C-alpha atoms as a PDB file:
ATOM      1  CA  UNK A   1      16.007   7.913  -3.606  1.00  0.00           C
ATOM      2  CA  UNK A   2      19.480   6.993  -4.754  1.00  0.00           C
ATOM      3  CA  UNK A   3      20.632   3.387  -4.716  1.00  0.00           C
ATOM      4  CA  UNK A   4      24.364   2.701  -4.643  1.00  0.00           C
ATOM      5  CA  UNK A   5      26.254  -0.568  -5.100  1.00  0.00           C
ATOM      6  CA  UNK A   6      27.173  -0.363  -1.416  1.00  0.00           C
ATOM      7  CA  UNK A   7      23.453  -0.248  -0.514  1.00  0.00           C
ATOM      8  CA  UNK A   8      22.763  -3.384  -2.572  1.00  0.00           C
ATOM      9  CA  UNK A   9      25.666  -5.267  -1.012  1.00  0.00           C
ATOM     10  CA  UNK A  10      24.515  -4.567   2.548  1.00  0.00           C
ATOM     11  CA  UNK A  11      22.481  -7.073   4.523  1.00  0.00           C
ATOM     12  CA  UNK A  12      18.759  -7.327   3.952  1.00  0.00           C
ATOM     13  CA  UNK A  13      16.747  -5.468   6.591  1.00  0.00           C
ATOM     14  CA  UNK A  14      13.458  -7.018   7.742  1.00  0.00           C
ATOM     15  CA  UNK A  15      10.471  -5.564   9.566  1.00  0.00           C
ATOM     16  CA  UNK A  16       6.876  -6.378  10.345  1.00  0.00           C
ATOM     17  CA  UNK A  17       4.648  -3.302  10.307  1.00  0.00           C
ATOM     18  CA  UNK A  18       1.153  -3.438  11.810  1.00  0.00           C
ATOM     19  CA  UNK A  19      -1.402  -0.672  11.340  1.00  0.00           C
ATOM     20  CA  UNK A  20      -4.947  -0.450  12.682  1.00  0.00           C
ATOM     21  CA  UNK A  21      -7.607   2.082  11.819  1.00  0.00           C
ATOM     22  CA  UNK A  22     -11.332   2.452  12.478  1.00  0.00           C
ATOM     23  CA  UNK A  23     -13.237   3.811   9.520  1.00  0.00           C
ATOM     24  CA  UNK A  24     -16.655   5.454   9.486  1.00  0.00           C
ATOM     25  CA  UNK A  25     -17.843   3.312   6.579  1.00  0.00           C
ATOM     26  CA  UNK A  26     -19.307  -0.158   6.112  1.00  0.00           C
ATOM     27  CA  UNK A  27     -17.002  -3.041   5.241  1.00  0.00           C
ATOM     28  CA  UNK A  28     -18.371  -3.166   1.676  1.00  0.00           C
ATOM     29  CA  UNK A  29     -17.259   0.433   1.047  1.00  0.00           C
ATOM     30  CA  UNK A  30     -13.808  -0.133   2.566  1.00  0.00           C
ATOM     31  CA  UNK A  31     -13.331  -3.287   0.498  1.00  0.00           C
ATOM     32  CA  UNK A  32     -14.329  -1.350  -2.636  1.00  0.00           C
ATOM     33  CA  UNK A  33     -11.794   1.372  -1.754  1.00  0.00           C
ATOM     34  CA  UNK A  34      -9.117  -1.332  -2.087  1.00  0.00           C
ATOM     35  CA  UNK A  35     -10.682  -3.129  -5.061  1.00  0.00           C
ATOM     36  CA  UNK A  36     -10.929  -0.016  -7.250  1.00  0.00           C
ATOM     37  CA  UNK A  37      -7.632   1.331  -8.592  1.00  0.00           C
ATOM     38  CA  UNK A  38      -9.364   4.666  -9.196  1.00  0.00           C
ATOM     39  CA  UNK A  39     -10.270   4.941  -5.513  1.00  0.00           C
ATOM     40  CA  UNK A  40      -6.870   3.610  -4.370  1.00  0.00           C
ATOM     41  CA  UNK A  41      -5.163   6.344  -6.404  1.00  0.00           C
ATOM     42  CA  UNK A  42      -7.266   8.963  -4.559  1.00  0.00           C
ATOM     43  CA  UNK A  43      -6.373   7.928  -1.016  1.00  0.00           C
ATOM     44  CA  UNK A  44      -3.176   5.906  -1.479  1.00  0.00           C
ATOM     45  CA  UNK A  45      -0.664   8.681  -2.145  1.00  0.00           C
ATOM     46  CA  UNK A  46       0.887   9.526   1.231  1.00  0.00           C
ATOM     47  CA  UNK A  47       1.026  13.311   0.693  1.00  0.00           C
ATOM     48  CA  UNK A  48      -0.270  16.137  -1.476  1.00  0.00           C
ATOM     49  CA  UNK A  49       3.045  16.193  -3.365  1.00  0.00           C
ATOM     50  CA  UNK A  50       2.891  12.477  -4.253  1.00  0.00           C
ATOM     51  CA  UNK A  51       0.957  10.616  -6.927  1.00  0.00           C
ATOM     52  CA  UNK A  52      -0.008   7.051  -7.863  1.00  0.00           C
ATOM     53  CA  UNK A  53      -0.432   6.310 -11.591  1.00  0.00           C
ATOM     54  CA  UNK A  54      -1.772   2.876 -12.553  1.00  0.00           C
ATOM     55  CA  UNK A  55      -0.380   1.308 -15.721  1.00  0.00           C
ATOM     56  CA  UNK A  56      -2.248  -1.996 -15.254  1.00  0.00           C
ATOM     57  CA  UNK A  57      -4.866  -3.168 -12.774  1.00  0.00           C
ATOM     58  CA  UNK A  58      -6.333  -6.604 -12.170  1.00  0.00           C
ATOM     59  CA  UNK A  59      -7.859  -6.922  -8.696  1.00  0.00           C
ATOM     60  CA  UNK A  60      -8.574 -10.636  -8.413  1.00  0.00           C
ATOM     61  CA  UNK A  61      -6.780 -13.641  -6.979  1.00  0.00           C
ATOM     62  CA  UNK A  62      -3.804 -14.188  -9.265  1.00  0.00           C
ATOM     63  CA  UNK A  63      -4.179 -10.668 -10.681  1.00  0.00           C
ATOM     64  CA  UNK A  64      -1.358  -8.164 -11.048  1.00  0.00           C
ATOM     65  CA  UNK A  65      -1.332  -4.383 -10.696  1.00  0.00           C
ATOM     66  CA  UNK A  66       1.507  -2.217 -11.962  1.00  0.00           C
ATOM     67  CA  UNK A  67       1.829   1.409 -10.993  1.00  0.00           C
ATOM     68  CA  UNK A  68       4.267   4.269 -10.651  1.00  0.00           C
ATOM     69  CA  UNK A  69       4.414   6.492  -7.617  1.00  0.00           C
ATOM     70  CA  UNK A  70       6.480   9.204  -6.024  1.00  0.00           C
ATOM     71  CA  UNK A  71       6.683  12.934  -6.563  1.00  0.00           C
ATOM     72  CA  UNK A  72       3.988  14.367  -8.849  1.00  0.00           C
ATOM     73  CA  UNK A  73       6.848  15.811 -10.923  1.00  0.00           C
ATOM     74  CA  UNK A  74       8.751  12.514 -11.242  1.00  0.00           C
ATOM     75  CA  UNK A  75       6.858   9.342 -10.250  1.00  0.00           C
ATOM     76  CA  UNK A  76       9.898   7.102 -10.765  1.00  0.00           C
ATOM     77  CA  UNK A  77       9.143   4.362  -8.236  1.00  0.00           C
ATOM     78  CA  UNK A  78       7.642   1.264  -9.868  1.00  0.00           C
ATOM     79  CA  UNK A  79       5.447  -1.156  -7.944  1.00  0.00           C
ATOM     80  CA  UNK A  80       4.247  -4.585  -9.043  1.00  0.00           C
ATOM     81  CA  UNK A  81       1.476  -6.054  -6.896  1.00  0.00           C
ATOM     82  CA  UNK A  82       0.450  -9.727  -7.004  1.00  0.00           C
ATOM     83  CA  UNK A  83      -2.911 -10.561  -5.400  1.00  0.00           C
ATOM     84  CA  UNK A  84      -2.498 -13.855  -3.553  1.00  0.00           C
ATOM     85  CA  UNK A  85      -5.833 -14.167  -1.734  1.00  0.00           C
ATOM     86  CA  UNK A  86      -8.989 -12.100  -1.797  1.00  0.00           C
ATOM     87  CA  UNK A  87     -11.942 -12.901   0.450  1.00  0.00           C
ATOM     88  CA  UNK A  88     -14.576 -10.303  -0.380  1.00  0.00           C
ATOM     89  CA  UNK A  89     -15.296  -7.908   2.486  1.00  0.00           C
ATOM     90  CA  UNK A  90     -12.904  -9.785   4.799  1.00  0.00           C
ATOM     91  CA  UNK A  91      -9.304 -10.090   3.652  1.00  0.00           C
ATOM     92  CA  UNK A  92      -6.822  -9.106   0.940  1.00  0.00           C
ATOM     93  CA  UNK A  93      -3.341 -10.644   0.801  1.00  0.00           C
ATOM     94  CA  UNK A  94      -0.829  -9.327  -1.727  1.00  0.00           C
ATOM     95  CA  UNK A  95       2.876  -9.137  -2.400  1.00  0.00           C
ATOM     96  CA  UNK A  96       4.706  -6.125  -3.786  1.00  0.00           C
ATOM     97  CA  UNK A  97       8.052  -5.567  -5.411  1.00  0.00           C
ATOM     98  CA  UNK A  98       9.251  -1.966  -5.444  1.00  0.00           C
ATOM     99  CA  UNK A  99      11.945  -0.791  -7.877  1.00  0.00           C
ATOM    100  CA  UNK A 100      13.444   2.405  -9.232  1.00  0.00           C
ATOM    101  CA  UNK A 101      15.784   2.840 -12.194  1.00  0.00           C
ATOM    102  CA  UNK A 102      15.666  -0.935 -12.687  1.00  0.00           C
ATOM    103  CA  UNK A 103      16.923  -1.688  -9.156  1.00  0.00           C
ATOM    104  CA  UNK A 104      14.931  -3.624  -6.593  1.00  0.00           C
ATOM    105  CA  UNK A 105      14.383  -1.647  -3.376  1.00  0.00           C
ATOM    106  CA  UNK A 106      12.220  -4.027  -1.380  1.00  0.00           C
ATOM    107  CA  UNK A 107       9.709  -6.838  -1.400  1.00  0.00           C
ATOM    108  CA  UNK A 108       6.696  -6.949   0.895  1.00  0.00           C
ATOM    109  CA  UNK A 109       3.817  -9.201   1.868  1.00  0.00           C
ATOM    110  CA  UNK A 110       0.694  -7.414   3.118  1.00  0.00           C
ATOM    111  CA  UNK A 111      -2.461  -8.785   4.716  1.00  0.00           C
ATOM    112  CA  UNK A 112      -5.423  -6.413   5.042  1.00  0.00           C
ATOM    113  CA  UNK A 113      -8.161  -7.648   7.373  1.00  0.00           C
ATOM    114  CA  UNK A 114     -11.588  -6.033   7.698  1.00  0.00           C
ATOM    115  CA  UNK A 115     -14.013  -6.526  10.594  1.00  0.00           C
ATOM    116  CA  UNK A 116     -17.157  -4.725  11.747  1.00  0.00           C
ATOM    117  CA  UNK A 117     -16.899  -2.341  14.679  1.00  0.00           C
ATOM    118  CA  UNK A 118     -19.181   0.209  16.309  1.00  0.00           C
ATOM    119  CA  UNK A 119     -17.847   3.025  14.118  1.00  0.00           C
ATOM    120  CA  UNK A 120     -18.140   0.991  10.894  1.00  0.00           C
ATOM    121  CA  UNK A 121     -15.048  -1.012   9.941  1.00  0.00           C
ATOM    122  CA  UNK A 122     -11.893  -1.964  11.778  1.00  0.00           C
ATOM    123  CA  UNK A 123      -8.986  -2.331   9.355  1.00  0.00           C
ATOM    124  CA  UNK A 124      -5.798  -4.156  10.323  1.00  0.00           C
ATOM    125  CA  UNK A 125      -2.912  -4.125   7.854  1.00  0.00           C
ATOM    126  CA  UNK A 126       0.169  -6.251   8.502  1.00  0.00           C
ATOM    127  CA  UNK A 127       3.140  -5.817   6.171  1.00  0.00           C
ATOM    128  CA  UNK A 128       6.312  -7.873   6.246  1.00  0.00           C
ATOM    129  CA  UNK A 129       9.050  -5.943   4.456  1.00  0.00           C
ATOM    130  CA  UNK A 130      12.447  -7.092   3.204  1.00  0.00           C
ATOM    131  CA  UNK A 131      14.499  -4.016   2.287  1.00  0.00           C
ATOM    132  CA  UNK A 132      17.478  -4.503  -0.002  1.00  0.00           C
ATOM    133  CA  UNK A 133      18.797  -0.971   0.573  1.00  0.00           C
ATOM    134  CA  UNK A 134      18.759  -0.612   4.346  1.00  0.00           C
ATOM    135  CA  UNK A 135      16.565   0.645   7.140  1.00  0.00           C
ATOM    136  CA  UNK A 136      15.588   3.889   5.384  1.00  0.00           C
ATOM    137  CA  UNK A 137      13.364   1.928   2.987  1.00  0.00           C
ATOM    138  CA  UNK A 138      11.560   0.316   5.904  1.00  0.00           C
ATOM    139  CA  UNK A 139      11.136   3.701   7.566  1.00  0.00           C
ATOM    140  CA  UNK A 140       9.753   5.116   4.319  1.00  0.00           C
ATOM    141  CA  UNK A 141       7.397   2.166   3.940  1.00  0.00           C
ATOM    142  CA  UNK A 142       6.126   2.663   7.488  1.00  0.00           C
ATOM    143  CA  UNK A 143       5.620   6.417   7.155  1.00  0.00           C
ATOM    144  CA  UNK A 144       4.032   6.094   3.713  1.00  0.00           C
ATOM    145  CA  UNK A 145       1.640   3.311   4.646  1.00  0.00           C
ATOM    146  CA  UNK A 146       0.557   5.082   7.843  1.00  0.00           C
ATOM    147  CA  UNK A 147      -0.122   8.278   5.875  1.00  0.00           C
ATOM    148  CA  UNK A 148      -2.055   6.379   3.193  1.00  0.00           C
ATOM    149  CA  UNK A 149      -4.271   4.731   5.807  1.00  0.00           C
ATOM    150  CA  UNK A 150      -4.843   8.102   7.474  1.00  0.00           C
ATOM    151  CA  UNK A 151      -5.911   9.365   4.039  1.00  0.00           C
ATOM    152  CA  UNK A 152      -8.344   6.446   3.766  1.00  0.00           C
ATOM    153  CA  UNK A 153      -9.893   7.411   7.117  1.00  0.00           C
ATOM    154  CA  UNK A 154     -10.155  11.019   5.914  1.00  0.00           C
ATOM    155  CA  UNK A 155     -11.596   9.906   2.562  1.00  0.00           C
ATOM    156  CA  UNK A 156     -14.553   8.246   4.287  1.00  0.00           C
ATOM    157  CA  UNK A 157     -15.019  11.083   6.770  1.00  0.00           C
ATOM    158  CA  UNK A 158     -15.157  13.662   3.974  1.00  0.00           C
ATOM    159  CA  UNK A 159     -17.362  11.580   1.655  1.00  0.00           C
ATOM    160  CA  UNK A 160     -19.883  10.559   4.313  1.00  0.00           C
ATOM    161  CA  UNK A 161     -20.181   6.981   3.060  1.00  0.00           C
ATOM    162  CA  UNK A 162     -22.701   4.897   5.020  1.00  0.00           C
END
């Protein structure tokens, strides 16, 4: 993704993205899939050509994660996550700043809510995104997050967690 001075001077684009999934796993397992950076790295990359590499992880209220993501050949997107609220097995609220080549691409606030359902766990993820480089970043955020959550569903289906 290339960021030009024109992109940075354009107006901030905002969006609220809401995703819902039903997972065939208990809430405790879904919560752990978020709490563990090792597990997040397994299901979080949106495609087989992408990767997530954690440089620092601290999953607790007030904790900060830092990771790189993007193409397996050049993971040049840097993400800093701040955990704002964690209610075990119920809710995770975090903010993210996404940069590349030292330039801020977007900031986001995400709330992940977990609730029991007949299948196992209902997950609702609401992300409020402020893109500093236009609508394409929001589109990428939406596509990437949807794919990651689909991977999480597949992770539990293939691992048979109960």
